[in-house]
Protein backbone atom coordinates (compact mmCIF):
# COMPACT_ATOMS: atom_id res chain seq x y z
CA MET A 1 -76.57 143.06 -40.04
CA TYR A 2 -76.72 143.60 -36.23
CA ASN A 3 -78.61 146.88 -36.46
CA ASN A 4 -81.96 144.87 -36.39
CA TYR A 5 -81.09 142.70 -33.51
CA THR A 6 -82.60 143.17 -29.88
CA TYR A 7 -80.47 142.13 -26.96
CA VAL A 8 -81.55 141.62 -23.36
CA ILE A 9 -79.65 140.81 -20.24
CA VAL A 10 -81.17 137.91 -18.22
CA GLU A 11 -80.22 136.39 -14.98
CA SER A 12 -78.34 133.11 -15.38
CA SER A 13 -81.08 131.53 -12.97
CA ASP A 14 -83.57 132.37 -15.88
CA ILE A 15 -81.69 130.74 -18.74
CA ASP A 16 -83.56 127.42 -18.39
CA SER A 17 -86.73 129.11 -18.96
CA LEU A 18 -85.72 130.39 -22.46
CA ASN A 19 -86.78 128.63 -25.56
CA PHE A 20 -83.80 128.05 -27.97
CA GLY A 21 -86.05 126.14 -30.44
CA VAL A 22 -87.95 127.17 -33.45
CA ASP A 23 -91.70 128.31 -33.85
CA GLU A 24 -94.33 126.41 -36.01
CA ASN A 25 -92.88 128.36 -39.12
CA GLY A 26 -89.24 127.19 -38.36
CA ASN A 27 -88.29 130.50 -37.15
CA ARG A 28 -85.89 130.71 -34.43
CA TYR A 29 -87.14 132.22 -31.04
CA LEU A 30 -83.57 133.50 -30.11
CA LEU A 31 -80.54 133.95 -32.28
CA ASN A 32 -78.30 132.19 -29.78
CA LEU A 33 -78.33 128.40 -30.47
CA SER A 34 -78.35 127.32 -26.82
CA LYS A 35 -77.24 128.43 -23.39
CA ASP A 36 -73.74 127.35 -24.38
CA PHE A 37 -73.64 130.35 -26.88
CA LEU A 38 -74.61 133.03 -24.59
CA ARG A 39 -72.25 135.79 -23.41
CA TYR A 40 -71.97 135.71 -19.80
CA ASN A 41 -70.77 138.46 -17.55
CA VAL A 42 -67.40 138.18 -15.45
CA SER A 43 -69.46 136.80 -12.43
CA LYS A 44 -71.45 134.40 -14.51
CA ASN A 45 -74.61 135.63 -12.95
CA LYS A 46 -76.13 137.37 -16.01
CA ALA A 47 -76.12 136.54 -19.79
CA ILE A 48 -77.16 138.32 -22.97
CA VAL A 49 -79.57 136.92 -25.41
CA LYS A 50 -80.53 138.19 -28.72
CA TYR A 51 -83.48 137.87 -31.20
CA GLN A 52 -84.80 139.69 -34.31
CA GLY A 53 -88.14 141.41 -34.71
CA ASN A 54 -90.85 141.35 -32.05
CA ASP A 55 -90.39 139.99 -28.67
CA PRO A 56 -90.44 136.16 -29.14
CA ILE A 57 -93.54 134.40 -27.45
CA TRP A 58 -93.51 130.68 -26.95
CA LYS A 59 -95.87 128.17 -25.30
CA ASP A 60 -95.02 126.61 -21.82
CA GLU A 61 -95.73 122.98 -20.92
CA ASN A 62 -99.42 123.86 -20.39
CA GLU A 63 -99.82 125.73 -23.77
CA ASN A 64 -99.94 129.18 -22.19
CA ASP A 65 -98.13 131.94 -23.93
CA VAL A 66 -94.78 133.00 -22.53
CA ASP A 67 -93.69 136.58 -23.04
CA PHE A 68 -90.31 136.20 -21.19
CA PHE A 69 -89.07 139.77 -22.46
CA SER A 70 -91.96 141.72 -21.53
CA GLY A 71 -90.86 144.50 -19.09
CA LYS A 72 -87.14 143.75 -19.68
CA THR A 73 -84.84 146.42 -20.77
CA LYS A 74 -84.01 145.97 -24.40
CA TYR A 75 -80.82 147.12 -26.05
CA ASN A 76 -79.78 147.82 -29.74
CA HIS A 77 -76.28 146.77 -31.00
CA GLU A 78 -74.58 150.01 -30.03
CA GLU A 79 -76.24 150.05 -26.62
CA ILE A 80 -75.29 146.53 -25.79
CA LEU A 81 -71.55 147.31 -26.90
CA ASN A 82 -71.46 149.96 -24.34
CA VAL A 83 -72.72 147.56 -21.73
CA LEU A 84 -70.13 144.98 -22.69
CA ARG A 85 -67.32 147.57 -22.24
CA SER A 86 -68.12 147.87 -18.51
CA SER A 87 -66.22 145.93 -15.76
CA GLU A 88 -69.16 143.89 -15.04
CA TRP A 89 -68.75 142.12 -18.58
CA LEU A 90 -65.00 142.77 -19.25
CA GLN A 91 -62.40 141.24 -17.14
CA MET A 92 -59.95 143.89 -16.23
CA ASP A 93 -56.19 143.36 -15.54
CA GLU A 94 -55.22 144.52 -12.10
């Protein structure tokens, strides 16, 4: 199930630029329903978004294509699990 998901780490300051809606065919751009369903790191300055298939491209308010994930590091399920095991994402007891 998770094997064909793509995960991307984004800055929290960029979250409002994401499109949590659906395209003209009714397909979700992102598998996260809203920013409330994102996984944030311990510092809350980064979050993980996930999608399926090609990089989602949506239109901005001027009808220009937005390829938000172009140039960003993409992770598969196993890779993102390794990232989540780091102290940046997992609160460590002292």
